[in-house]
Amino acid sequence: MNRDEWIAAFAAELGVQAPTPAQVESLLKLASVAAHSSERPAAPLACWVAGVAGVDSAALMAAAERVNQQA
C-alpha cells in the first residue's frame, strides 16, 4: 500500500474525505518547514494543529513563516 492509498483508507476509516493532491502538497510543505525549522517531531504535530485550526493553506504557511521569524 502506497502513501496515498494508506491515507485514503485512513480517511475512510474515520469517515472523512482524503486530502486532495493540492492539500497533500500543502501539508507536506508545512511539515517540511516545521521539521527543518525545529525538530523533526514538529512536522506531524504541526499538521495536527493545522487540521484542528481548519484554516486554508495560505494561512498555515503565513503562520509558519511568522513563527520562523520569531526563532
N, C-alpha and C. Protein backbone atom coordinates (compact mmCIF):
# COMPACT_ATOMS: atom_id res chain seq x y z
N MET A 1 0.85 -1.17 0.00
CA MET A 1 0.00 0.00 0.00
C MET A 1 0.90 1.24 0.00
N ASN A 2 0.65 2.14 -0.96
CA ASN A 2 1.47 3.35 -1.00
C ASN A 2 0.89 4.43 -0.09
N ARG A 3 1.55 5.56 -0.04
CA ARG A 3 1.14 6.65 0.84
C ARG A 3 -0.30 7.09 0.59
N ASP A 4 -0.63 7.35 -0.66
CA ASP A 4 -1.96 7.85 -0.99
C ASP A 4 -3.05 6.83 -0.69
N GLU A 5 -2.77 5.57 -0.95
CA GLU A 5 -3.73 4.51 -0.63
C GLU A 5 -3.95 4.41 0.88
N TRP A 6 -2.84 4.52 1.63
CA TRP A 6 -2.95 4.44 3.09
C TRP A 6 -3.76 5.61 3.63
N ILE A 7 -3.48 6.80 3.15
CA ILE A 7 -4.21 7.99 3.60
C ILE A 7 -5.69 7.88 3.23
N ALA A 8 -6.00 7.40 2.04
CA ALA A 8 -7.39 7.24 1.62
C ALA A 8 -8.11 6.24 2.52
N ALA A 9 -7.44 5.13 2.83
CA ALA A 9 -8.05 4.13 3.70
C ALA A 9 -8.22 4.67 5.12
N PHE A 10 -7.26 5.40 5.61
CA PHE A 10 -7.33 6.00 6.95
C PHE A 10 -8.48 7.01 7.01
N ALA A 11 -8.58 7.86 5.99
CA ALA A 11 -9.66 8.84 5.94
C ALA A 11 -11.02 8.13 5.90
N ALA A 12 -11.12 7.09 5.10
CA ALA A 12 -12.38 6.35 5.02
C ALA A 12 -12.73 5.72 6.36
N GLU A 13 -11.75 5.21 7.04
CA GLU A 13 -11.96 4.60 8.36
C GLU A 13 -12.51 5.63 9.35
N LEU A 14 -12.08 6.87 9.20
CA LEU A 14 -12.52 7.94 10.09
C LEU A 14 -13.78 8.64 9.59
N GLY A 15 -14.23 8.28 8.40
CA GLY A 15 -15.44 8.87 7.86
C GLY A 15 -15.27 10.27 7.31
N VAL A 16 -14.06 10.58 6.84
CA VAL A 16 -13.80 11.89 6.25
C VAL A 16 -13.20 11.69 4.86
N GLN A 17 -13.18 12.76 4.08
CA GLN A 17 -12.57 12.68 2.76
C GLN A 17 -11.06 12.77 2.88
N ALA A 18 -10.38 12.04 2.02
CA ALA A 18 -8.92 12.13 1.95
C ALA A 18 -8.54 13.49 1.38
N PRO A 19 -7.35 13.98 1.72
CA PRO A 19 -6.93 15.27 1.18
C PRO A 19 -6.75 15.21 -0.33
N THR A 20 -7.02 16.33 -0.96
CA THR A 20 -6.79 16.45 -2.40
C THR A 20 -5.29 16.48 -2.66
N PRO A 21 -4.87 16.28 -3.90
CA PRO A 21 -3.44 16.39 -4.20
C PRO A 21 -2.86 17.76 -3.79
N ALA A 22 -3.61 18.82 -3.97
CA ALA A 22 -3.12 20.16 -3.57
C ALA A 22 -2.99 20.25 -2.05
N GLN A 23 -3.94 19.66 -1.33
CA GLN A 23 -3.86 19.67 0.13
C GLN A 23 -2.67 18.83 0.61
N VAL A 24 -2.44 17.71 -0.04
CA VAL A 24 -1.29 16.87 0.31
C VAL A 24 0.00 17.67 0.14
N GLU A 25 0.12 18.35 -1.00
CA GLU A 25 1.32 19.15 -1.26
C GLU A 25 1.51 20.23 -0.20
N SER A 26 0.43 20.91 0.17
CA SER A 26 0.50 21.97 1.18
C SER A 26 0.89 21.41 2.55
N LEU A 27 0.30 20.29 2.92
CA LEU A 27 0.63 19.69 4.21
C LEU A 27 2.08 19.21 4.25
N LEU A 28 2.55 18.63 3.15
CA LEU A 28 3.94 18.18 3.12
C LEU A 28 4.90 19.36 3.19
N LYS A 29 4.53 20.47 2.55
CA LYS A 29 5.36 21.68 2.63
C LYS A 29 5.39 22.21 4.06
N LEU A 30 4.22 22.24 4.70
CA LEU A 30 4.16 22.67 6.10
C LEU A 30 5.01 21.77 6.98
N ALA A 31 4.90 20.46 6.78
CA ALA A 31 5.69 19.51 7.56
C ALA A 31 7.18 19.73 7.36
N SER A 32 7.56 20.02 6.12
CA SER A 32 8.97 20.28 5.83
C SER A 32 9.47 21.53 6.54
N VAL A 33 8.68 22.59 6.49
CA VAL A 33 9.06 23.83 7.18
C VAL A 33 9.21 23.58 8.67
N ALA A 34 8.24 22.90 9.25
CA ALA A 34 8.29 22.63 10.69
C ALA A 34 9.50 21.77 11.06
N ALA A 35 9.75 20.73 10.29
CA ALA A 35 10.85 19.82 10.60
C ALA A 35 12.22 20.48 10.44
N HIS A 36 12.33 21.34 9.45
CA HIS A 36 13.63 21.97 9.20
C HIS A 36 13.85 23.23 10.03
N SER A 37 12.78 23.76 10.62
CA SER A 37 12.91 24.96 11.44
C SER A 37 13.03 24.64 12.92
N SER A 38 12.74 23.41 13.27
CA SER A 38 12.74 22.99 14.67
C SER A 38 13.31 21.59 14.73
N GLU A 39 12.62 20.71 15.40
CA GLU A 39 13.00 19.30 15.46
C GLU A 39 12.04 18.52 14.59
N ARG A 40 12.47 17.38 14.11
CA ARG A 40 11.63 16.56 13.22
C ARG A 40 10.23 16.28 13.78
N PRO A 41 10.08 15.98 15.07
CA PRO A 41 8.74 15.71 15.58
C PRO A 41 7.77 16.89 15.44
N ALA A 42 8.29 18.07 15.15
CA ALA A 42 7.40 19.22 14.94
C ALA A 42 6.54 19.04 13.70
N ALA A 43 7.00 18.26 12.73
CA ALA A 43 6.26 18.11 11.47
C ALA A 43 4.88 17.49 11.66
N PRO A 44 4.77 16.29 12.24
CA PRO A 44 3.42 15.74 12.39
C PRO A 44 2.57 16.54 13.37
N LEU A 45 3.20 17.13 14.35
CA LEU A 45 2.44 17.93 15.31
C LEU A 45 1.90 19.20 14.65
N ALA A 46 2.69 19.82 13.79
CA ALA A 46 2.22 21.00 13.05
C ALA A 46 1.05 20.63 12.15
N CYS A 47 1.11 19.46 11.53
CA CYS A 47 0.00 19.03 10.68
C CYS A 47 -1.26 18.77 11.50
N TRP A 48 -1.10 18.25 12.70
CA TRP A 48 -2.26 18.05 13.58
C TRP A 48 -2.87 19.41 13.94
N VAL A 49 -2.03 20.37 14.32
CA VAL A 49 -2.52 21.70 14.65
C VAL A 49 -3.22 22.31 13.44
N ALA A 50 -2.66 22.11 12.24
CA ALA A 50 -3.28 22.62 11.02
C ALA A 50 -4.68 22.04 10.84
N GLY A 51 -4.82 20.76 11.09
CA GLY A 51 -6.13 20.12 10.96
C GLY A 51 -7.14 20.65 11.95
N VAL A 52 -6.69 20.86 13.17
CA VAL A 52 -7.58 21.38 14.21
C VAL A 52 -7.95 22.83 13.91
N ALA A 53 -7.00 23.59 13.38
CA ALA A 53 -7.25 25.01 13.10
C ALA A 53 -8.27 25.20 11.98
N GLY A 54 -8.25 24.31 11.01
CA GLY A 54 -9.22 24.38 9.93
C GLY A 54 -9.09 25.60 9.05
N VAL A 55 -7.88 26.10 8.88
CA VAL A 55 -7.67 27.26 8.01
C VAL A 55 -7.03 26.82 6.70
N ASP A 56 -7.06 27.70 5.69
CA ASP A 56 -6.52 27.32 4.39
C ASP A 56 -4.99 27.29 4.40
N SER A 57 -4.45 26.71 3.33
CA SER A 57 -3.01 26.50 3.27
C SER A 57 -2.21 27.80 3.28
N ALA A 58 -2.74 28.85 2.68
CA ALA A 58 -2.02 30.13 2.68
C ALA A 58 -1.89 30.66 4.11
N ALA A 59 -2.95 30.54 4.90
CA ALA A 59 -2.90 30.99 6.29
C ALA A 59 -1.94 30.12 7.10
N LEU A 60 -1.91 28.83 6.81
CA LEU A 60 -0.98 27.94 7.52
C LEU A 60 0.46 28.32 7.25
N MET A 61 0.79 28.55 5.99
CA MET A 61 2.16 28.89 5.65
C MET A 61 2.54 30.26 6.19
N ALA A 62 1.61 31.20 6.18
CA ALA A 62 1.89 32.53 6.74
C ALA A 62 2.18 32.42 8.23
N ALA A 63 1.41 31.60 8.92
CA ALA A 63 1.65 31.41 10.36
C ALA A 63 3.00 30.75 10.59
N ALA A 64 3.34 29.76 9.77
CA ALA A 64 4.63 29.08 9.92
C ALA A 64 5.78 30.05 9.69
N GLU A 65 5.64 30.92 8.72
CA GLU A 65 6.69 31.91 8.44
C GLU A 65 6.82 32.90 9.60
N ARG A 66 5.70 33.31 10.20
CA ARG A 66 5.77 34.21 11.35
C ARG A 66 6.49 33.54 12.50
N VAL A 67 6.21 32.27 12.72
CA VAL A 67 6.90 31.53 13.79
C VAL A 67 8.39 31.46 13.49
N ASN A 68 8.76 31.21 12.23
CA ASN A 68 10.17 31.15 11.86
C ASN A 68 10.87 32.48 12.11
N GLN A 69 10.19 33.58 11.90
CA GLN A 69 10.77 34.90 12.12
C GLN A 69 11.01 35.16 13.61
N GLN A 70 10.24 34.53 14.46
CA GLN A 70 10.39 34.70 15.91
C GLN A 70 11.57 33.89 16.45
N ALA A 71 11.96 32.89 15.71
CA ALA A 71 13.02 31.98 16.19
C ALA A 71 14.39 32.60 16.05
